Every structure is written in C-alpha cells, then in structure tokens.
C-alpha cells in the first residue's frame, strides 16, 4: 500500500473536518456497517484514513483509496 502525500492528507482534513457527518457509500470489509450508515468524523490520521464513529456503534476507519463516504453535513 502506498501512503498519500502530506498535501493529500491535509486536503482530506479540510474536506472531512472533525464533527462533520458522513454516510457510508462503499466499504469492502466483512465487519463494515451497512451501506447508508451515517457517522461522525473524529479525525483523519497521517495515512489519510478517516476515523468515524458510526451511528450503529462501529468505529471502523474509512481507508483512503479503498472505501467511500459522502458528506451529509458539516
């Protein structure tokens, strides 16, 4: 796996600020919350993973370049 540049990570942090709400679009993980589950962004780490506290209690990260979410509110 290739990690994103600092510029990309900084851009993700601006796009997905702590506290914004997201909806899961795609996640290829057997433990993934159901598609359409909403959650609150808690951080973006140095690998570009978006850390989300999902409304169903899950806390799986959204992996940069693999998973997809869309912002529902900032």
PDB file of N, CA and C in Angstrom:
ATOM      1  N   UNK A   1       0.850  -1.185   0.000  1.00  0.00           N
ATOM      2  CA  UNK A   1       0.000   0.000   0.000  1.00  0.00           C
ATOM      3  C   UNK A   1       0.888   1.239   0.000  1.00  0.00           C
ATOM      4  N   UNK A   2       0.518   2.175  -0.798  1.00  0.00           N
ATOM      5  CA  UNK A   2       1.245   3.438  -0.881  1.00  0.00           C
ATOM      6  C   UNK A   2       0.478   4.502  -0.104  1.00  0.00           C
ATOM      7  N   UNK A   3       1.179   5.213   0.758  1.00  0.00           N
ATOM      8  CA  UNK A   3       0.535   6.230   1.578  1.00  0.00           C
ATOM      9  C   UNK A   3       0.409   7.539   0.812  1.00  0.00           C
ATOM     10  N   UNK A   4      -0.663   8.303   1.078  1.00  0.00           N
ATOM     11  CA  UNK A   4      -0.841   9.582   0.392  1.00  0.00           C
ATOM     12  C   UNK A   4       0.166  10.616   0.891  1.00  0.00           C
ATOM     13  N   UNK A   5       0.400  11.624   0.078  1.00  0.00           N
ATOM     14  CA  UNK A   5       1.321  12.702   0.440  1.00  0.00           C
ATOM     15  C   UNK A   5       0.724  13.553   1.562  1.00  0.00           C
ATOM     16  N   UNK A   6       1.580  14.345   2.178  1.00  0.00           N
ATOM     17  CA  UNK A   6       1.131  15.258   3.226  1.00  0.00           C
ATOM     18  C   UNK A   6       0.076  16.220   2.685  1.00  0.00           C
ATOM     19  N   UNK A   7       0.238  16.653   1.449  1.00  0.00           N
ATOM     20  CA  UNK A   7      -0.725  17.576   0.847  1.00  0.00           C
ATOM     21  C   UNK A   7      -2.107  16.945   0.721  1.00  0.00           C
ATOM     22  N   UNK A   8      -2.128  15.668   0.327  1.00  0.00           N
ATOM     23  CA  UNK A   8      -3.413  14.961   0.210  1.00  0.00           C
ATOM     24  C   UNK A   8      -4.048  14.798   1.585  1.00  0.00           C
ATOM     25  N   UNK A   9      -3.255  14.407   2.568  1.00  0.00           N
ATOM     26  CA  UNK A   9      -3.785  14.237   3.931  1.00  0.00           C
ATOM     27  C   UNK A   9      -4.328  15.567   4.456  1.00  0.00           C
ATOM     28  N   UNK A  10      -3.588  16.646   4.238  1.00  0.00           N
ATOM     29  CA  UNK A  10      -4.066  17.973   4.669  1.00  0.00           C
ATOM     30  C   UNK A  10      -5.378  18.327   3.972  1.00  0.00           C
ATOM     31  N   UNK A  11      -5.492  17.996   2.688  1.00  0.00           N
ATOM     32  CA  UNK A  11      -6.735  18.229   1.951  1.00  0.00           C
ATOM     33  C   UNK A  11      -7.898  17.425   2.504  1.00  0.00           C
ATOM     34  N   UNK A  12      -7.625  16.171   2.868  1.00  0.00           N
ATOM     35  CA  UNK A  12      -8.675  15.336   3.466  1.00  0.00           C
ATOM     36  C   UNK A  12      -9.129  15.913   4.803  1.00  0.00           C
ATOM     37  N   UNK A  13      -8.177  16.418   5.576  1.00  0.00           N
ATOM     38  CA  UNK A  13      -8.528  17.022   6.871  1.00  0.00           C
ATOM     39  C   UNK A  13      -9.411  18.263   6.685  1.00  0.00           C
ATOM     40  N   UNK A  14      -9.174  18.997   5.614  1.00  0.00           N
ATOM     41  CA  UNK A  14     -10.029  20.164   5.326  1.00  0.00           C
ATOM     42  C   UNK A  14     -11.401  19.721   4.819  1.00  0.00           C
ATOM     43  N   UNK A  15     -11.415  18.678   3.996  1.00  0.00           N
ATOM     44  CA  UNK A  15     -12.673  18.195   3.413  1.00  0.00           C
ATOM     45  C   UNK A  15     -13.547  17.488   4.442  1.00  0.00           C
ATOM     46  N   UNK A  16     -12.910  16.760   5.371  1.00  0.00           N
ATOM     47  CA  UNK A  16     -13.627  15.990   6.394  1.00  0.00           C
ATOM     48  C   UNK A  16     -13.219  16.473   7.785  1.00  0.00           C
ATOM     49  N   UNK A  17     -13.656  17.681   8.180  1.00  0.00           N
ATOM     50  CA  UNK A  17     -13.266  18.202   9.493  1.00  0.00           C
ATOM     51  C   UNK A  17     -13.916  17.394  10.627  1.00  0.00           C
ATOM     52  N   UNK A  18     -13.242  17.404  11.767  1.00  0.00           N
ATOM     53  CA  UNK A  18     -13.794  16.733  12.947  1.00  0.00           C
ATOM     54  C   UNK A  18     -15.198  17.264  13.203  1.00  0.00           C
ATOM     55  N   UNK A  19     -16.129  16.344  13.414  1.00  0.00           N
ATOM     56  CA  UNK A  19     -17.513  16.710  13.693  1.00  0.00           C
ATOM     57  C   UNK A  19     -18.429  16.663  12.492  1.00  0.00           C
ATOM     58  N   UNK A  20     -17.867  16.602  11.266  1.00  0.00           N
ATOM     59  CA  UNK A  20     -18.757  16.545  10.104  1.00  0.00           C
ATOM     60  C   UNK A  20     -19.413  15.158  10.034  1.00  0.00           C
ATOM     61  N   UNK A  21     -20.551  15.126   9.401  1.00  0.00           N
ATOM     62  CA  UNK A  21     -21.322  13.887   9.293  1.00  0.00           C
ATOM     63  C   UNK A  21     -21.120  13.296   7.902  1.00  0.00           C
ATOM     64  N   UNK A  22     -20.924  11.984   7.852  1.00  0.00           N
ATOM     65  CA  UNK A  22     -20.727  11.275   6.595  1.00  0.00           C
ATOM     66  C   UNK A  22     -21.677  10.083   6.510  1.00  0.00           C
ATOM     67  N   UNK A  23     -21.896   9.623   5.282  1.00  0.00           N
ATOM     68  CA  UNK A  23     -22.693   8.421   5.028  1.00  0.00           C
ATOM     69  C   UNK A  23     -21.819   7.434   4.268  1.00  0.00           C
ATOM     70  N   UNK A  24     -21.856   6.181   4.685  1.00  0.00           N
ATOM     71  CA  UNK A  24     -21.063   5.141   4.037  1.00  0.00           C
ATOM     72  C   UNK A  24     -21.630   4.812   2.661  1.00  0.00           C
ATOM     73  N   UNK A  25     -20.753   4.857   1.649  1.00  0.00           N
ATOM     74  CA  UNK A  25     -21.127   4.534   0.276  1.00  0.00           C
ATOM     75  C   UNK A  25     -20.590   3.154  -0.103  1.00  0.00           C
ATOM     76  N   UNK A  26     -19.335   2.866   0.293  1.00  0.00           N
ATOM     77  CA  UNK A  26     -18.722   1.583  -0.056  1.00  0.00           C
ATOM     78  C   UNK A  26     -17.598   1.281   0.923  1.00  0.00           C
ATOM     79  N   UNK A  27     -17.582   0.040   1.443  1.00  0.00           N
ATOM     80  CA  UNK A  27     -16.502  -0.434   2.298  1.00  0.00           C
ATOM     81  C   UNK A  27     -16.400  -1.936   2.121  1.00  0.00           C
ATOM     82  N   UNK A  28     -15.237  -2.396   1.694  1.00  0.00           N
ATOM     83  CA  UNK A  28     -15.029  -3.816   1.434  1.00  0.00           C
ATOM     84  C   UNK A  28     -14.413  -4.464   2.672  1.00  0.00           C
ATOM     85  N   UNK A  29     -15.254  -4.724   3.666  1.00  0.00           N
ATOM     86  CA  UNK A  29     -14.814  -5.319   4.921  1.00  0.00           C
ATOM     87  C   UNK A  29     -15.986  -6.102   5.490  1.00  0.00           C
ATOM     88  N   UNK A  30     -15.761  -7.349   5.919  1.00  0.00           N
ATOM     89  CA  UNK A  30     -16.885  -8.140   6.451  1.00  0.00           C
ATOM     90  C   UNK A  30     -17.498  -7.530   7.717  1.00  0.00           C
ATOM     91  N   UNK A  31     -16.750  -6.688   8.416  1.00  0.00           N
ATOM     92  CA  UNK A  31     -17.251  -6.048   9.632  1.00  0.00           C
ATOM     93  C   UNK A  31     -17.830  -4.659   9.368  1.00  0.00           C
ATOM     94  N   UNK A  32     -17.911  -4.271   8.103  1.00  0.00           N
ATOM     95  CA  UNK A  32     -18.370  -2.922   7.744  1.00  0.00           C
ATOM     96  C   UNK A  32     -19.812  -2.697   8.169  1.00  0.00           C
ATOM     97  N   UNK A  33     -20.113  -1.464   8.556  1.00  0.00           N
ATOM     98  CA  UNK A  33     -21.522  -1.127   8.791  1.00  0.00           C
ATOM     99  C   UNK A  33     -22.283  -1.216   7.471  1.00  0.00           C
ATOM    100  N   UNK A  34     -23.593  -1.351   7.530  1.00  0.00           N
ATOM    101  CA  UNK A  34     -24.370  -1.398   6.290  1.00  0.00           C
ATOM    102  C   UNK A  34     -24.205  -0.117   5.465  1.00  0.00           C
ATOM    103  N   UNK A  35     -24.218  -0.265   4.150  1.00  0.00           N
ATOM    104  CA  UNK A  35     -24.184   0.887   3.252  1.00  0.00           C
ATOM    105  C   UNK A  35     -25.330   1.815   3.643  1.00  0.00           C
ATOM    106  N   UNK A  36     -25.053   3.112   3.675  1.00  0.00           N
ATOM    107  CA  UNK A  36     -26.061   4.090   4.068  1.00  0.00           C
ATOM    108  C   UNK A  36     -25.980   4.480   5.533  1.00  0.00           C
ATOM    109  N   UNK A  37     -25.170   3.766   6.319  1.00  0.00           N
ATOM    110  CA  UNK A  37     -24.996   4.112   7.726  1.00  0.00           C
ATOM    111  C   UNK A  37     -24.302   5.463   7.829  1.00  0.00           C
ATOM    112  N   UNK A  38     -24.763   6.295   8.728  1.00  0.00           N
ATOM    113  CA  UNK A  38     -24.147   7.601   8.953  1.00  0.00           C
ATOM    114  C   UNK A  38     -23.263   7.563  10.188  1.00  0.00           C
ATOM    115  N   UNK A  39     -22.342   8.523  10.242  1.00  0.00           N
ATOM    116  CA  UNK A  39     -21.453   8.626  11.381  1.00  0.00           C
ATOM    117  C   UNK A  39     -20.816   9.998  11.446  1.00  0.00           C
ATOM    118  N   UNK A  40     -20.050  10.211  12.518  1.00  0.00           N
ATOM    119  CA  UNK A  40     -19.391  11.484  12.767  1.00  0.00           C
ATOM    120  C   UNK A  40     -17.882  11.309  12.672  1.00  0.00           C
ATOM    121  N   UNK A  41     -17.238  12.171  11.895  1.00  0.00           N
ATOM    122  CA  UNK A  41     -15.782  12.122  11.746  1.00  0.00           C
ATOM    123  C   UNK A  41     -15.145  12.557  13.067  1.00  0.00           C
ATOM    124  N   UNK A  42     -14.181  11.743  13.544  1.00  0.00           N
ATOM    125  CA  UNK A  42     -13.464  12.072  14.772  1.00  0.00           C
ATOM    126  C   UNK A  42     -12.029  12.504  14.498  1.00  0.00           C
ATOM    127  N   UNK A  43     -11.490  12.186  13.307  1.00  0.00           N
ATOM    128  CA  UNK A  43     -10.123  12.571  12.966  1.00  0.00           C
ATOM    129  C   UNK A  43      -9.808  12.065  11.558  1.00  0.00           C
ATOM    130  N   UNK A  44      -8.709  12.541  11.005  1.00  0.00           N
ATOM    131  CA  UNK A  44      -8.100  11.970   9.800  1.00  0.00           C
ATOM    132  C   UNK A  44      -6.655  11.707  10.181  1.00  0.00           C
ATOM    133  N   UNK A  45      -6.216  10.450  10.084  1.00  0.00           N
ATOM    134  CA  UNK A  45      -4.854  10.124  10.520  1.00  0.00           C
ATOM    135  C   UNK A  45      -3.830  10.406   9.425  1.00  0.00           C
ATOM    136  N   UNK A  46      -2.560  10.175   9.745  1.00  0.00           N
ATOM    137  CA  UNK A  46      -1.474  10.505   8.814  1.00  0.00           C
ATOM    138  C   UNK A  46      -1.430   9.622   7.577  1.00  0.00           C
ATOM    139  N   UNK A  47      -2.211   8.527   7.548  1.00  0.00           N
ATOM    140  CA  UNK A  47      -2.279   7.680   6.358  1.00  0.00           C
ATOM    141  C   UNK A  47      -3.471   8.052   5.473  1.00  0.00           C
ATOM    142  N   UNK A  48      -4.222   9.085   5.884  1.00  0.00           N
ATOM    143  CA  UNK A  48      -5.378   9.513   5.118  1.00  0.00           C
ATOM    144  C   UNK A  48      -6.654   8.772   5.474  1.00  0.00           C
ATOM    145  N   UNK A  49      -6.601   7.887   6.468  1.00  0.00           N
ATOM    146  CA  UNK A  49      -7.811   7.184   6.898  1.00  0.00           C
ATOM    147  C   UNK A  49      -8.705   8.145   7.673  1.00  0.00           C
ATOM    148  N   UNK A  50      -9.981   8.128   7.345  1.00  0.00           N
ATOM    149  CA  UNK A  50     -10.958   8.960   8.035  1.00  0.00           C
ATOM    150  C   UNK A  50     -11.521   8.134   9.184  1.00  0.00           C
ATOM    151  N   UNK A  51     -11.315   8.618  10.399  1.00  0.00           N
ATOM    152  CA  UNK A  51     -11.817   7.920  11.570  1.00  0.00           C
ATOM    153  C   UNK A  51     -13.243   8.374  11.817  1.00  0.00           C
ATOM    154  N   UNK A  52     -14.144   7.392  11.912  1.00  0.00           N
ATOM    155  CA  UNK A  52     -15.570   7.695  12.020  1.00  0.00           C
ATOM    156  C   UNK A  52     -16.169   6.934  13.190  1.00  0.00           C
ATOM    157  N   UNK A  53     -16.977   7.623  13.969  1.00  0.00           N
ATOM    158  CA  UNK A  53     -17.801   6.993  14.991  1.00  0.00           C
ATOM    159  C   UNK A  53     -19.170   6.770  14.356  1.00  0.00           C
ATOM    160  N   UNK A  54     -19.411   5.535  13.919  1.00  0.00           N
ATOM    161  CA  UNK A  54     -20.646   5.216  13.203  1.00  0.00           C
ATOM    162  C   UNK A  54     -21.829   5.183  14.164  1.00  0.00           C
ATOM    163  N   UNK A  55     -23.004   5.558  13.662  1.00  0.00           N
ATOM    164  CA  UNK A  55     -24.210   5.618  14.490  1.00  0.00           C
ATOM    165  C   UNK A  55     -24.631   4.254  15.024  1.00  0.00           C
ATOM    166  N   UNK A  56     -24.162   3.175  14.393  1.00  0.00           N
ATOM    167  CA  UNK A  56     -24.534   1.838  14.862  1.00  0.00           C
ATOM    168  C   UNK A  56     -23.550   1.304  15.913  1.00  0.00           C
ATOM    169  N   UNK A  57     -22.591   2.147  16.338  1.00  0.00           N
ATOM    170  CA  UNK A  57     -21.639   1.746  17.367  1.00  0.00           C
ATOM    171  C   UNK A  57     -20.295   1.292  16.837  1.00  0.00           C
ATOM    172  N   UNK A  58     -20.170   1.075  15.544  1.00  0.00           N
ATOM    173  CA  UNK A  58     -18.911   0.658  14.946  1.00  0.00           C
ATOM    174  C   UNK A  58     -17.946   1.845  14.912  1.00  0.00           C
ATOM    175  N   UNK A  59     -16.656   1.532  14.812  1.00  0.00           N
ATOM    176  CA  UNK A  59     -15.670   2.609  14.695  1.00  0.00           C
ATOM    177  C   UNK A  59     -14.621   2.268  13.646  1.00  0.00           C
ATOM    178  N   UNK A  60     -15.003   1.518  12.616  1.00  0.00           N
ATOM    179  CA  UNK A  60     -14.067   1.197  11.535  1.00  0.00           C
ATOM    180  C   UNK A  60     -13.694   2.462  10.761  1.00  0.00           C
ATOM    181  N   UNK A  61     -12.415   2.577  10.436  1.00  0.00           N
ATOM    182  CA  UNK A  61     -11.930   3.723   9.668  1.00  0.00           C
ATOM    183  C   UNK A  61     -12.278   3.570   8.193  1.00  0.00           C
ATOM    184  N   UNK A  62     -12.429   4.702   7.524  1.00  0.00           N
ATOM    185  CA  UNK A  62     -12.617   4.749   6.080  1.00  0.00           C
ATOM    186  C   UNK A  62     -11.213   4.841   5.480  1.00  0.00           C
ATOM    187  N   UNK A  63     -10.783   3.801   4.780  1.00  0.00           N
ATOM    188  CA  UNK A  63      -9.417   3.705   4.283  1.00  0.00           C
ATOM    189  C   UNK A  63      -9.275   4.498   2.982  1.00  0.00           C
ATOM    190  N   UNK A  64      -8.276   5.386   2.953  1.00  0.00           N
ATOM    191  CA  UNK A  64      -8.018   6.223   1.779  1.00  0.00           C
ATOM    192  C   UNK A  64      -7.749   5.343   0.557  1.00  0.00           C
ATOM    193  N   UNK A  65      -8.457   5.619  -0.541  1.00  0.00           N
ATOM    194  CA  UNK A  65      -8.261   4.903  -1.788  1.00  0.00           C
ATOM    195  C   UNK A  65      -8.986   3.580  -1.884  1.00  0.00           C
ATOM    196  N   UNK A  66      -9.651   3.148  -0.799  1.00  0.00           N
ATOM    197  CA  UNK A  66     -10.356   1.859  -0.793  1.00  0.00           C
ATOM    198  C   UNK A  66     -11.853   2.031  -0.530  1.00  0.00           C
ATOM    199  N   UNK A  67     -12.183   2.758   0.510  1.00  0.00           N
ATOM    200  CA  UNK A  67     -13.567   2.916   0.946  1.00  0.00           C
ATOM    201  C   UNK A  67     -14.091   4.277   0.508  1.00  0.00           C
ATOM    202  N   UNK A  68     -15.413   4.428   0.556  1.00  0.00           N
ATOM    203  CA  UNK A  68     -16.016   5.690   0.117  1.00  0.00           C
ATOM    204  C   UNK A  68     -17.119   6.132   1.077  1.00  0.00           C
ATOM    205  N   UNK A  69     -17.088   7.430   1.393  1.00  0.00           N
ATOM    206  CA  UNK A  69     -18.168   8.059   2.140  1.00  0.00           C
ATOM    207  C   UNK A  69     -18.529   9.351   1.419  1.00  0.00           C
ATOM    208  N   UNK A  70     -19.688   9.878   1.772  1.00  0.00           N
ATOM    209  CA  UNK A  70     -20.043  11.210   1.263  1.00  0.00           C
ATOM    210  C   UNK A  70     -20.478  12.043   2.438  1.00  0.00           C
ATOM    211  N   UNK A  71     -20.194  13.323   2.364  1.00  0.00           N
ATOM    212  CA  UNK A  71     -20.532  14.240   3.434  1.00  0.00           C
ATOM    213  C   UNK A  71     -22.031  14.519   3.392  1.00  0.00           C
ATOM    214  N   UNK A  72     -22.675  14.438   4.555  1.00  0.00           N
ATOM    215  CA  UNK A  72     -24.099  14.775   4.626  1.00  0.00           C
ATOM    216  C   UNK A  72     -24.307  16.103   5.352  1.00  0.00           C
ATOM    217  N   UNK A  73     -23.353  16.512   6.193  1.00  0.00           N
ATOM    218  CA  UNK A  73     -23.402  17.849   6.808  1.00  0.00           C
ATOM    219  C   UNK A  73     -22.067  18.184   7.436  1.00  0.00           C
ATOM    220  N   UNK A  74     -21.739  19.464   7.438  1.00  0.00           N
ATOM    221  CA  UNK A  74     -20.513  19.923   8.091  1.00  0.00           C
ATOM    222  C   UNK A  74     -20.923  20.631   9.314  1.00  0.00           C
TER     223      UNK A  74
END
